């Protein structure tokens, strides 16, 4: 026997559009952080490239990635205020 799929009421869904937009922004922030940390290598192992210790790679990139992960937790937990039908 096949049972018909029941449509879930919008008030019973765990995430709203706002949650998905916030999560997408966090993923973009994480990707940006990892891209800022990349690069700076050299093909010649005898050659030292001091660019690997730039502020962008050791401070800005990890900070953006960390903020992305931190804000992702908030985006998952966030519940927008529900409208109440007080009738006043």
N, C-alpha and C. Protein backbone atom coordinates (compact mmCIF):
# COMPACT_ATOMS: atom_id res chain seq x y z
N UNK A 1 0.82 -1.18 0.00
CA UNK A 1 0.00 0.00 0.00
C UNK A 1 0.87 1.25 0.00
N UNK A 2 0.51 2.15 -0.85
CA UNK A 2 1.22 3.42 -0.91
C UNK A 2 0.48 4.44 -0.09
N UNK A 3 1.23 5.14 0.71
CA UNK A 3 0.63 6.23 1.48
C UNK A 3 1.01 7.55 0.82
N UNK A 4 0.06 8.43 0.73
CA UNK A 4 0.33 9.73 0.13
C UNK A 4 1.22 10.56 1.04
N UNK A 5 2.10 11.32 0.43
CA UNK A 5 2.96 12.20 1.20
C UNK A 5 2.13 13.37 1.71
N UNK A 6 2.32 13.65 2.97
CA UNK A 6 1.60 14.77 3.56
C UNK A 6 2.44 16.03 3.44
N UNK A 7 1.79 17.11 3.07
CA UNK A 7 2.49 18.38 2.97
C UNK A 7 2.70 18.94 4.37
N UNK A 8 3.94 19.29 4.66
CA UNK A 8 4.28 19.80 5.99
C UNK A 8 3.87 21.27 6.07
N UNK A 9 3.20 21.60 7.15
CA UNK A 9 2.80 22.98 7.38
C UNK A 9 4.04 23.84 7.60
N UNK A 10 4.01 25.07 7.10
CA UNK A 10 5.17 25.95 7.19
C UNK A 10 5.61 26.22 8.63
N UNK A 11 4.67 26.21 9.55
CA UNK A 11 5.02 26.48 10.94
C UNK A 11 5.73 25.29 11.59
N UNK A 12 5.69 24.11 10.97
CA UNK A 12 6.34 22.93 11.54
C UNK A 12 7.70 22.64 10.94
N UNK A 13 8.13 23.45 10.00
CA UNK A 13 9.44 23.24 9.38
C UNK A 13 10.55 23.71 10.30
N UNK A 14 11.67 22.98 10.33
CA UNK A 14 12.75 23.37 11.24
C UNK A 14 13.49 24.64 10.79
N UNK A 15 13.58 24.87 9.47
CA UNK A 15 14.30 26.02 8.95
C UNK A 15 13.39 26.87 8.08
N UNK A 16 13.66 28.17 8.07
CA UNK A 16 12.93 29.08 7.20
C UNK A 16 13.88 29.58 6.12
N UNK A 17 13.38 30.42 5.23
CA UNK A 17 14.23 30.99 4.19
C UNK A 17 15.37 31.79 4.79
N UNK A 18 15.08 32.47 5.88
CA UNK A 18 16.12 33.27 6.53
C UNK A 18 17.28 32.40 6.99
N UNK A 19 16.96 31.23 7.54
CA UNK A 19 18.01 30.31 7.98
C UNK A 19 18.88 29.87 6.80
N UNK A 20 18.25 29.55 5.68
CA UNK A 20 19.01 29.10 4.52
C UNK A 20 19.88 30.22 3.95
N UNK A 21 19.36 31.45 3.93
CA UNK A 21 20.17 32.58 3.47
C UNK A 21 21.36 32.81 4.40
N UNK A 22 21.12 32.71 5.69
CA UNK A 22 22.22 32.89 6.66
C UNK A 22 23.26 31.79 6.51
N UNK A 23 22.81 30.55 6.31
CA UNK A 23 23.75 29.44 6.15
C UNK A 23 24.55 29.58 4.86
N UNK A 24 23.91 30.05 3.79
CA UNK A 24 24.63 30.25 2.52
C UNK A 24 25.69 31.34 2.69
N UNK A 25 25.36 32.39 3.41
CA UNK A 25 26.34 33.44 3.67
C UNK A 25 27.51 32.93 4.48
N UNK A 26 27.23 32.06 5.44
CA UNK A 26 28.30 31.48 6.27
C UNK A 26 29.20 30.59 5.44
N UNK A 27 28.63 29.80 4.54
CA UNK A 27 29.44 28.94 3.67
C UNK A 27 30.33 29.81 2.79
N UNK A 28 29.79 30.90 2.27
CA UNK A 28 30.60 31.81 1.45
C UNK A 28 31.74 32.41 2.27
N UNK A 29 31.47 32.75 3.53
CA UNK A 29 32.50 33.30 4.41
C UNK A 29 33.60 32.27 4.69
N UNK A 30 33.22 31.03 4.89
CA UNK A 30 34.19 29.96 5.13
C UNK A 30 35.06 29.75 3.89
N UNK A 31 34.43 29.70 2.72
CA UNK A 31 35.19 29.50 1.48
C UNK A 31 36.14 30.67 1.25
N UNK A 32 35.68 31.89 1.50
CA UNK A 32 36.54 33.06 1.34
C UNK A 32 37.74 32.99 2.28
N UNK A 33 37.50 32.56 3.52
CA UNK A 33 38.60 32.41 4.47
C UNK A 33 39.64 31.40 4.01
N UNK A 34 39.18 30.27 3.49
CA UNK A 34 40.13 29.25 3.01
C UNK A 34 40.86 29.73 1.75
N UNK A 35 40.17 30.48 0.89
CA UNK A 35 40.85 31.00 -0.29
C UNK A 35 41.93 32.01 0.09
N UNK A 36 41.67 32.82 1.10
CA UNK A 36 42.67 33.79 1.55
C UNK A 36 43.88 33.11 2.18
N UNK A 37 43.69 31.92 2.74
CA UNK A 37 44.81 31.20 3.34
C UNK A 37 45.65 30.46 2.31
N UNK A 38 45.14 30.25 1.11
CA UNK A 38 45.83 29.43 0.12
C UNK A 38 46.95 30.19 -0.58
N UNK A 39 47.80 29.45 -1.26
CA UNK A 39 48.88 30.03 -2.06
C UNK A 39 50.13 30.28 -1.26
N UNK A 40 51.09 30.89 -1.92
CA UNK A 40 52.33 31.25 -1.25
C UNK A 40 53.38 30.18 -1.25
N UNK A 41 53.15 29.08 -1.93
CA UNK A 41 54.13 28.01 -1.96
C UNK A 41 55.22 28.28 -2.99
N UNK A 42 56.17 27.40 -3.06
CA UNK A 42 57.26 27.52 -4.03
C UNK A 42 57.54 26.15 -4.63
N UNK A 43 58.02 26.14 -5.87
CA UNK A 43 58.35 24.87 -6.52
C UNK A 43 59.73 24.38 -6.13
N UNK A 44 60.59 25.29 -5.74
CA UNK A 44 61.95 24.96 -5.36
C UNK A 44 62.04 24.85 -3.84
N UNK A 45 62.27 23.65 -3.30
CA UNK A 45 62.32 23.51 -1.84
C UNK A 45 63.50 24.23 -1.18
N UNK A 46 64.54 24.57 -1.94
CA UNK A 46 65.68 25.26 -1.37
C UNK A 46 65.41 26.76 -1.24
N UNK A 47 64.34 27.22 -1.85
CA UNK A 47 64.02 28.64 -1.85
C UNK A 47 62.95 28.91 -0.78
N UNK A 48 63.18 29.90 0.06
CA UNK A 48 62.21 30.25 1.10
C UNK A 48 61.35 31.41 0.64
N UNK A 49 60.07 31.28 0.81
CA UNK A 49 59.13 32.32 0.41
C UNK A 49 58.52 32.93 1.67
N UNK A 50 58.92 34.13 2.07
CA UNK A 50 58.37 34.74 3.30
C UNK A 50 56.91 35.14 3.17
N UNK A 51 56.35 35.05 1.96
CA UNK A 51 54.95 35.41 1.74
C UNK A 51 53.99 34.48 2.50
N UNK A 52 54.46 33.31 2.92
CA UNK A 52 53.58 32.39 3.66
C UNK A 52 53.23 32.94 5.03
N UNK A 53 53.99 33.92 5.51
CA UNK A 53 53.71 34.50 6.82
C UNK A 53 53.02 35.86 6.72
N UNK A 54 52.35 36.13 5.60
CA UNK A 54 51.68 37.42 5.44
C UNK A 54 50.46 37.49 6.36
N UNK A 55 50.06 38.69 6.68
CA UNK A 55 48.90 38.92 7.57
C UNK A 55 47.64 38.31 6.99
N UNK A 56 47.52 38.38 5.68
CA UNK A 56 46.33 37.82 5.02
C UNK A 56 46.21 36.32 5.26
N UNK A 57 47.34 35.62 5.25
CA UNK A 57 47.31 34.16 5.37
C UNK A 57 47.24 33.66 6.81
N UNK A 58 47.80 34.40 7.76
CA UNK A 58 47.83 33.87 9.12
C UNK A 58 46.84 34.53 10.06
N UNK A 59 46.23 35.66 9.65
CA UNK A 59 45.27 36.33 10.53
C UNK A 59 43.91 36.48 9.87
N UNK A 60 43.86 37.12 8.71
CA UNK A 60 42.57 37.45 8.08
C UNK A 60 41.84 36.18 7.62
N UNK A 61 42.53 35.30 6.90
CA UNK A 61 41.90 34.08 6.40
C UNK A 61 41.34 33.19 7.50
N UNK A 62 42.15 32.83 8.49
CA UNK A 62 41.62 32.00 9.58
C UNK A 62 40.51 32.68 10.38
N UNK A 63 40.61 34.00 10.54
CA UNK A 63 39.56 34.72 11.27
C UNK A 63 38.23 34.66 10.52
N UNK A 64 38.26 34.85 9.21
CA UNK A 64 37.02 34.77 8.42
C UNK A 64 36.44 33.36 8.44
N UNK A 65 37.29 32.35 8.32
CA UNK A 65 36.80 30.97 8.35
C UNK A 65 36.20 30.65 9.72
N UNK A 66 36.87 31.07 10.79
CA UNK A 66 36.36 30.82 12.13
C UNK A 66 35.02 31.52 12.35
N UNK A 67 34.92 32.78 11.92
CA UNK A 67 33.65 33.50 12.04
C UNK A 67 32.54 32.82 11.24
N UNK A 68 32.90 32.28 10.07
CA UNK A 68 31.92 31.55 9.27
C UNK A 68 31.39 30.33 10.01
N UNK A 69 32.27 29.57 10.64
CA UNK A 69 31.85 28.40 11.40
C UNK A 69 31.03 28.81 12.63
N UNK A 70 31.45 29.86 13.29
CA UNK A 70 30.73 30.33 14.47
C UNK A 70 29.33 30.83 14.11
N UNK A 71 29.25 31.62 13.06
CA UNK A 71 27.95 32.14 12.64
C UNK A 71 27.05 31.05 12.06
N UNK A 72 27.66 29.98 11.54
CA UNK A 72 26.86 28.86 11.03
C UNK A 72 26.07 28.24 12.17
N UNK A 73 26.67 28.11 13.33
CA UNK A 73 25.94 27.57 14.49
C UNK A 73 24.76 28.48 14.84
N UNK A 74 24.99 29.78 14.79
CA UNK A 74 23.90 30.72 15.06
C UNK A 74 22.82 30.61 14.00
N UNK A 75 23.21 30.47 12.73
CA UNK A 75 22.23 30.37 11.64
C UNK A 75 21.37 29.13 11.78
N UNK A 76 21.92 28.06 12.31
CA UNK A 76 21.15 26.83 12.49
C UNK A 76 20.20 26.96 13.67
N UNK A 77 20.65 27.59 14.73
CA UNK A 77 19.85 27.71 15.95
C UNK A 77 18.78 28.80 15.84
N UNK A 78 19.04 29.82 15.02
CA UNK A 78 18.17 31.00 14.95
C UNK A 78 16.73 30.62 14.59
N UNK A 79 15.81 31.13 15.36
CA UNK A 79 14.38 30.96 15.09
C UNK A 79 13.76 32.35 14.99
N UNK A 80 13.30 32.71 13.79
CA UNK A 80 12.71 34.05 13.66
C UNK A 80 11.44 34.16 14.48
N UNK A 81 11.13 35.37 14.92
CA UNK A 81 9.93 35.59 15.74
C UNK A 81 8.68 35.18 14.99
N UNK A 82 7.89 34.39 15.63
CA UNK A 82 6.64 33.93 15.03
C UNK A 82 5.57 34.99 15.21
N UNK A 83 4.73 35.16 14.21
CA UNK A 83 3.64 36.11 14.32
C UNK A 83 2.56 35.53 15.22
N UNK A 84 2.10 36.34 16.16
CA UNK A 84 1.05 35.87 17.05
C UNK A 84 -0.25 36.53 16.66
N UNK A 85 -1.30 35.79 16.65
CA UNK A 85 -2.61 36.31 16.29
C UNK A 85 -3.34 36.77 17.53
N UNK A 86 -2.92 37.89 18.11
CA UNK A 86 -3.53 38.36 19.36
C UNK A 86 -4.89 39.01 19.11
N UNK A 87 -5.14 39.49 17.89
CA UNK A 87 -6.43 40.03 17.56
C UNK A 87 -6.69 41.42 18.12
N UNK A 88 -5.71 42.08 18.67
CA UNK A 88 -5.93 43.41 19.24
C UNK A 88 -5.72 44.49 18.21
